[in-house]
Amino acid sequence: MRLADQVKELRKRARLSQTELAERAGVGLRFIRELERGKETVRLDKVNQVLRLFSREVGVVKHERTEG
C-alpha cells in the first residue's frame, strides 16, 4: 500500500478532515492534500510530523542488494 493511501486511511479511521489533520499535526492543508495525492517530493520531517499522530513514522531502511 502506498504511503498516500495509508495516511488517508488513518485519517479517515480517526474521523478527521484534511483540515483537522493539518491543524493537529501543525502542517499546512496544502501539505496534507499533496501527501494524500502521492506527491513524490514531500519533506520527510513533515511526513513524520503527521504520522506521529497515529504512532507511526517512516525512515531510511537499508536495502540488501541481491546479486544475480
PDB file of N, CA and C in Angstrom:
ATOM      1  N   MET A   1       0.845  -1.179   0.000  1.00  0.00           N
ATOM      2  CA  MET A   1       0.000   0.000   0.000  1.00  0.00           C
ATOM      3  C   MET A   1       0.892   1.245   0.000  1.00  0.00           C
ATOM      4  N   ARG A   2       0.526   2.210  -0.782  1.00  0.00           N
ATOM      5  CA  ARG A   2       1.287   3.450  -0.869  1.00  0.00           C
ATOM      6  C   ARG A   2       1.124   4.278   0.407  1.00  0.00           C
ATOM      7  N   LEU A   3       2.144   5.064   0.709  1.00  0.00           N
ATOM      8  CA  LEU A   3       2.103   5.951   1.872  1.00  0.00           C
ATOM      9  C   LEU A   3       0.881   6.870   1.804  1.00  0.00           C
ATOM     10  N   ALA A   4       0.613   7.403   0.635  1.00  0.00           N
ATOM     11  CA  ALA A   4      -0.528   8.314   0.459  1.00  0.00           C
ATOM     12  C   ALA A   4      -1.829   7.636   0.879  1.00  0.00           C
ATOM     13  N   ASP A   5      -2.010   6.405   0.467  1.00  0.00           N
ATOM     14  CA  ASP A   5      -3.225   5.664   0.807  1.00  0.00           C
ATOM     15  C   ASP A   5      -3.286   5.357   2.304  1.00  0.00           C
ATOM     16  N   GLN A   6      -2.146   5.052   2.892  1.00  0.00           N
ATOM     17  CA  GLN A   6      -2.107   4.755   4.322  1.00  0.00           C
ATOM     18  C   GLN A   6      -2.476   5.978   5.150  1.00  0.00           C
ATOM     19  N   VAL A   7      -1.930   7.127   4.774  1.00  0.00           N
ATOM     20  CA  VAL A   7      -2.237   8.357   5.513  1.00  0.00           C
ATOM     21  C   VAL A   7      -3.728   8.669   5.408  1.00  0.00           C
ATOM     22  N   LYS A   8      -4.262   8.556   4.220  1.00  0.00           N
ATOM     23  CA  LYS A   8      -5.688   8.834   4.013  1.00  0.00           C
ATOM     24  C   LYS A   8      -6.552   7.867   4.837  1.00  0.00           C
ATOM     25  N   GLU A   9      -6.179   6.602   4.839  1.00  0.00           N
ATOM     26  CA  GLU A   9      -6.928   5.602   5.598  1.00  0.00           C
ATOM     27  C   GLU A   9      -6.860   5.881   7.104  1.00  0.00           C
ATOM     28  N   LEU A  10      -5.679   6.199   7.601  1.00  0.00           N
ATOM     29  CA  LEU A  10      -5.525   6.520   9.021  1.00  0.00           C
ATOM     30  C   LEU A  10      -6.358   7.746   9.402  1.00  0.00           C
ATOM     31  N   ARG A  11      -6.329   8.752   8.539  1.00  0.00           N
ATOM     32  CA  ARG A  11      -7.104   9.972   8.795  1.00  0.00           C
ATOM     33  C   ARG A  11      -8.598   9.658   8.853  1.00  0.00           C
ATOM     34  N   LYS A  12      -9.062   8.868   7.907  1.00  0.00           N
ATOM     35  CA  LYS A  12     -10.497   8.541   7.866  1.00  0.00           C
ATOM     36  C   LYS A  12     -10.909   7.689   9.063  1.00  0.00           C
ATOM     37  N   ARG A  13     -10.054   6.747   9.459  1.00  0.00           N
ATOM     38  CA  ARG A  13     -10.352   5.935  10.650  1.00  0.00           C
ATOM     39  C   ARG A  13     -10.471   6.799  11.895  1.00  0.00           C
ATOM     40  N   ALA A  14      -9.656   7.856  11.940  1.00  0.00           N
ATOM     41  CA  ALA A  14      -9.692   8.775  13.081  1.00  0.00           C
ATOM     42  C   ALA A  14     -10.818   9.799  12.950  1.00  0.00           C
ATOM     43  N   ARG A  15     -11.553   9.711  11.845  1.00  0.00           N
ATOM     44  CA  ARG A  15     -12.672  10.621  11.569  1.00  0.00           C
ATOM     45  C   ARG A  15     -12.241  12.089  11.592  1.00  0.00           C
ATOM     46  N   LEU A  16     -11.133  12.340  10.910  1.00  0.00           N
ATOM     47  CA  LEU A  16     -10.609  13.693  10.799  1.00  0.00           C
ATOM     48  C   LEU A  16     -10.726  14.169   9.360  1.00  0.00           C
ATOM     49  N   SER A  17     -11.030  15.419   9.194  1.00  0.00           N
ATOM     50  CA  SER A  17     -10.964  16.019   7.862  1.00  0.00           C
ATOM     51  C   SER A  17      -9.498  16.337   7.576  1.00  0.00           C
ATOM     52  N   GLN A  18      -9.216  16.655   6.332  1.00  0.00           N
ATOM     53  CA  GLN A  18      -7.850  17.049   5.994  1.00  0.00           C
ATOM     54  C   GLN A  18      -7.460  18.304   6.781  1.00  0.00           C
ATOM     55  N   THR A  19      -8.390  19.211   6.922  1.00  0.00           N
ATOM     56  CA  THR A  19      -8.130  20.447   7.671  1.00  0.00           C
ATOM     57  C   THR A  19      -7.807  20.149   9.127  1.00  0.00           C
ATOM     58  N   GLU A  20      -8.579  19.266   9.747  1.00  0.00           N
ATOM     59  CA  GLU A  20      -8.343  18.909  11.150  1.00  0.00           C
ATOM     60  C   GLU A  20      -6.987  18.228  11.322  1.00  0.00           C
ATOM     61  N   LEU A  21      -6.649  17.335  10.402  1.00  0.00           N
ATOM     62  CA  LEU A  21      -5.363  16.654  10.476  1.00  0.00           C
ATOM     63  C   LEU A  21      -4.223  17.658  10.351  1.00  0.00           C
ATOM     64  N   ALA A  22      -4.348  18.563   9.419  1.00  0.00           N
ATOM     65  CA  ALA A  22      -3.308  19.579   9.232  1.00  0.00           C
ATOM     66  C   ALA A  22      -3.123  20.404  10.502  1.00  0.00           C
ATOM     67  N   GLU A  23      -4.217  20.823  11.105  1.00  0.00           N
ATOM     68  CA  GLU A  23      -4.147  21.630  12.328  1.00  0.00           C
ATOM     69  C   GLU A  23      -3.504  20.863  13.464  1.00  0.00           C
ATOM     70  N   ARG A  24      -3.919  19.624  13.658  1.00  0.00           N
ATOM     71  CA  ARG A  24      -3.375  18.817  14.760  1.00  0.00           C
ATOM     72  C   ARG A  24      -1.905  18.480  14.570  1.00  0.00           C
ATOM     73  N   ALA A  25      -1.504  18.281  13.309  1.00  0.00           N
ATOM     74  CA  ALA A  25      -0.114  17.923  13.021  1.00  0.00           C
ATOM     75  C   ALA A  25       0.788  19.153  12.938  1.00  0.00           C
ATOM     76  N   GLY A  26       0.190  20.319  12.809  1.00  0.00           N
ATOM     77  CA  GLY A  26       0.997  21.532  12.705  1.00  0.00           C
ATOM     78  C   GLY A  26       1.611  21.731  11.328  1.00  0.00           C
ATOM     79  N   VAL A  27       0.910  21.242  10.317  1.00  0.00           N
ATOM     80  CA  VAL A  27       1.352  21.432   8.933  1.00  0.00           C
ATOM     81  C   VAL A  27       0.233  22.117   8.164  1.00  0.00           C
ATOM     82  N   GLY A  28       0.526  22.527   6.961  1.00  0.00           N
ATOM     83  CA  GLY A  28      -0.478  23.195   6.151  1.00  0.00           C
ATOM     84  C   GLY A  28      -1.434  22.222   5.482  1.00  0.00           C
ATOM     85  N   LEU A  29      -2.620  22.719   5.199  1.00  0.00           N
ATOM     86  CA  LEU A  29      -3.619  21.915   4.492  1.00  0.00           C
ATOM     87  C   LEU A  29      -3.085  21.482   3.129  1.00  0.00           C
ATOM     88  N   ARG A  30      -2.383  22.343   2.456  1.00  0.00           N
ATOM     89  CA  ARG A  30      -1.808  22.004   1.151  1.00  0.00           C
ATOM     90  C   ARG A  30      -0.876  20.799   1.261  1.00  0.00           C
ATOM     91  N   PHE A  31      -0.090  20.742   2.334  1.00  0.00           N
ATOM     92  CA  PHE A  31       0.815  19.607   2.527  1.00  0.00           C
ATOM     93  C   PHE A  31       0.028  18.308   2.654  1.00  0.00           C
ATOM     94  N   ILE A  32      -1.036  18.316   3.439  1.00  0.00           N
ATOM     95  CA  ILE A  32      -1.863  17.112   3.621  1.00  0.00           C
ATOM     96  C   ILE A  32      -2.451  16.682   2.279  1.00  0.00           C
ATOM     97  N   ARG A  33      -2.960  17.630   1.530  1.00  0.00           N
ATOM     98  CA  ARG A  33      -3.547  17.300   0.226  1.00  0.00           C
ATOM     99  C   ARG A  33      -2.510  16.683  -0.702  1.00  0.00           C
ATOM    100  N   GLU A  34      -1.325  17.274  -0.749  1.00  0.00           N
ATOM    101  CA  GLU A  34      -0.263  16.742  -1.602  1.00  0.00           C
ATOM    102  C   GLU A  34       0.200  15.365  -1.132  1.00  0.00           C
ATOM    103  N   LEU A  35       0.294  15.189   0.165  1.00  0.00           N
ATOM    104  CA  LEU A  35       0.696  13.903   0.730  1.00  0.00           C
ATOM    105  C   LEU A  35      -0.305  12.818   0.352  1.00  0.00           C
ATOM    106  N   GLU A  36      -1.590  13.106   0.498  1.00  0.00           N
ATOM    107  CA  GLU A  36      -2.628  12.119   0.184  1.00  0.00           C
ATOM    108  C   GLU A  36      -2.771  11.873  -1.316  1.00  0.00           C
ATOM    109  N   ARG A  37      -2.301  12.784  -2.136  1.00  0.00           N
ATOM    110  CA  ARG A  37      -2.321  12.586  -3.593  1.00  0.00           C
ATOM    111  C   ARG A  37      -1.099  11.808  -4.072  1.00  0.00           C
ATOM    112  N   GLY A  38      -0.143  11.615  -3.172  1.00  0.00           N
ATOM    113  CA  GLY A  38       1.031  10.837  -3.530  1.00  0.00           C
ATOM    114  C   GLY A  38       2.159  11.650  -4.140  1.00  0.00           C
ATOM    115  N   LYS A  39       2.193  12.942  -3.860  1.00  0.00           N
ATOM    116  CA  LYS A  39       3.284  13.765  -4.383  1.00  0.00           C
ATOM    117  C   LYS A  39       4.613  13.156  -3.947  1.00  0.00           C
ATOM    118  N   GLU A  40       5.513  13.033  -4.884  1.00  0.00           N
ATOM    119  CA  GLU A  40       6.773  12.333  -4.621  1.00  0.00           C
ATOM    120  C   GLU A  40       7.809  13.177  -3.906  1.00  0.00           C
ATOM    121  N   THR A  41       7.651  14.479  -3.911  1.00  0.00           N
ATOM    122  CA  THR A  41       8.654  15.349  -3.291  1.00  0.00           C
ATOM    123  C   THR A  41       8.084  16.047  -2.069  1.00  0.00           C
ATOM    124  N   VAL A  42       7.836  15.279  -1.025  1.00  0.00           N
ATOM    125  CA  VAL A  42       7.375  15.848   0.244  1.00  0.00           C
ATOM    126  C   VAL A  42       8.497  15.717   1.264  1.00  0.00           C
ATOM    127  N   ARG A  43       8.503  16.603   2.216  1.00  0.00           N
ATOM    128  CA  ARG A  43       9.558  16.581   3.237  1.00  0.00           C
ATOM    129  C   ARG A  43       9.308  15.461   4.241  1.00  0.00           C
ATOM    130  N   LEU A  44      10.322  14.647   4.441  1.00  0.00           N
ATOM    131  CA  LEU A  44      10.222  13.508   5.342  1.00  0.00           C
ATOM    132  C   LEU A  44       9.919  13.947   6.770  1.00  0.00           C
ATOM    133  N   ASP A  45      10.508  15.051   7.221  1.00  0.00           N
ATOM    134  CA  ASP A  45      10.242  15.501   8.581  1.00  0.00           C
ATOM    135  C   ASP A  45       8.771  15.875   8.765  1.00  0.00           C
ATOM    136  N   LYS A  46       8.171  16.469   7.747  1.00  0.00           N
ATOM    137  CA  LYS A  46       6.751  16.823   7.839  1.00  0.00           C
ATOM    138  C   LYS A  46       5.860  15.582   7.753  1.00  0.00           C
ATOM    139  N   VAL A  47       6.271  14.618   6.937  1.00  0.00           N
ATOM    140  CA  VAL A  47       5.519  13.363   6.863  1.00  0.00           C
ATOM    141  C   VAL A  47       5.488  12.729   8.248  1.00  0.00           C
ATOM    142  N   ASN A  48       6.629  12.670   8.911  1.00  0.00           N
ATOM    143  CA  ASN A  48       6.689  12.083  10.248  1.00  0.00           C
ATOM    144  C   ASN A  48       5.927  12.915  11.269  1.00  0.00           C
ATOM    145  N   GLN A  49       5.883  14.209  11.076  1.00  0.00           N
ATOM    146  CA  GLN A  49       5.095  15.074  11.956  1.00  0.00           C
ATOM    147  C   GLN A  49       3.622  14.663  11.897  1.00  0.00           C
ATOM    148  N   VAL A  50       3.138  14.350  10.717  1.00  0.00           N
ATOM    149  CA  VAL A  50       1.757  13.890  10.537  1.00  0.00           C
ATOM    150  C   VAL A  50       1.593  12.480  11.106  1.00  0.00           C
ATOM    151  N   LEU A  51       2.503  11.590  10.767  1.00  0.00           N
ATOM    152  CA  LEU A  51       2.375  10.193  11.182  1.00  0.00           C
ATOM    153  C   LEU A  51       2.477   9.998  12.688  1.00  0.00           C
ATOM    154  N   ARG A  52       3.170  10.891  13.371  1.00  0.00           N
ATOM    155  CA  ARG A  52       3.282  10.771  14.836  1.00  0.00           C
ATOM    156  C   ARG A  52       1.921  10.803  15.517  1.00  0.00           C
ATOM    157  N   LEU A  53       0.964  11.467  14.909  1.00  0.00           N
ATOM    158  CA  LEU A  53      -0.391  11.494  15.476  1.00  0.00           C
ATOM    159  C   LEU A  53      -1.000  10.100  15.525  1.00  0.00           C
ATOM    160  N   PHE A  54      -0.498   9.213  14.672  1.00  0.00           N
ATOM    161  CA  PHE A  54      -1.005   7.840  14.596  1.00  0.00           C
ATOM    162  C   PHE A  54       0.020   6.836  15.125  1.00  0.00           C
ATOM    163  N   SER A  55       0.993   7.336  15.884  1.00  0.00           N
ATOM    164  CA  SER A  55       2.055   6.497  16.463  1.00  0.00           C
ATOM    165  C   SER A  55       2.829   5.727  15.397  1.00  0.00           C
ATOM    166  N   ARG A  56       3.146   6.414  14.310  1.00  0.00           N
ATOM    167  CA  ARG A  56       3.896   5.817  13.211  1.00  0.00           C
ATOM    168  C   ARG A  56       4.955   6.795  12.719  1.00  0.00           C
ATOM    169  N   GLU A  57       5.910   6.263  11.961  1.00  0.00           N
ATOM    170  CA  GLU A  57       6.894   7.119  11.301  1.00  0.00           C
ATOM    171  C   GLU A  57       7.505   6.351  10.140  1.00  0.00           C
ATOM    172  N   VAL A  58       8.126   7.086   9.234  1.00  0.00           N
ATOM    173  CA  VAL A  58       8.854   6.477   8.124  1.00  0.00           C
ATOM    174  C   VAL A  58      10.312   6.863   8.257  1.00  0.00           C
ATOM    175  N   GLY A  59      11.170   6.070   7.669  1.00  0.00           N
ATOM    176  CA  GLY A  59      12.589   6.359   7.747  1.00  0.00           C
ATOM    177  C   GLY A  59      13.354   5.595   6.699  1.00  0.00           C
ATOM    178  N   VAL A  60      14.648   5.742   6.755  1.00  0.00           N
ATOM    179  CA  VAL A  60      15.534   5.070   5.817  1.00  0.00           C
ATOM    180  C   VAL A  60      15.803   3.661   6.311  1.00  0.00           C
ATOM    181  N   VAL A  61      15.657   2.721   5.417  1.00  0.00           N
ATOM    182  CA  VAL A  61      15.887   1.313   5.739  1.00  0.00           C
ATOM    183  C   VAL A  61      16.933   0.779   4.776  1.00  0.00           C
ATOM    184  N   LYS A  62      17.920   0.087   5.311  1.00  0.00           N
ATOM    185  CA  LYS A  62      18.952  -0.482   4.454  1.00  0.00           C
ATOM    186  C   LYS A  62      18.336  -1.564   3.595  1.00  0.00           C
ATOM    187  N   HIS A  63      18.595  -1.471   2.306  1.00  0.00           N
ATOM    188  CA  HIS A  63      18.088  -2.444   1.357  1.00  0.00           C
ATOM    189  C   HIS A  63      19.219  -3.408   0.997  1.00  0.00           C
ATOM    190  N   GLU A  64      18.994  -4.665   1.263  1.00  0.00           N
ATOM    191  CA  GLU A  64      20.004  -5.677   0.930  1.00  0.00           C
ATOM    192  C   GLU A  64      19.909  -5.972  -0.559  1.00  0.00           C
ATOM    193  N   ARG A  65      20.985  -5.733  -1.237  1.00  0.00           N
ATOM    194  CA  ARG A  65      21.028  -5.938  -2.674  1.00  0.00           C
ATOM    195  C   ARG A  65      21.365  -7.398  -2.960  1.00  0.00           C
ATOM    196  N   THR A  66      20.608  -7.974  -3.854  1.00  0.00           N
ATOM    197  CA  THR A  66      20.900  -9.358  -4.239  1.00  0.00           C
ATOM    198  C   THR A  66      21.625  -9.350  -5.564  1.00  0.00           C
ATOM    199  N   GLU A  67      22.674 -10.103  -5.625  1.00  0.00           N
ATOM    200  CA  GLU A  67      23.464 -10.220  -6.861  1.00  0.00           C
ATOM    201  C   GLU A  67      22.886 -11.382  -7.649  1.00  0.00           C
ATOM    202  N   GLY A  68      22.833 -11.238  -8.927  1.00  0.00           N
ATOM    203  CA  GLY A  68      22.356 -12.392  -9.669  1.00  0.00           C
ATOM    204  C   GLY A  68      22.080 -12.133 -11.027  1.00  0.00           C
TER     205      GLY A  68
END
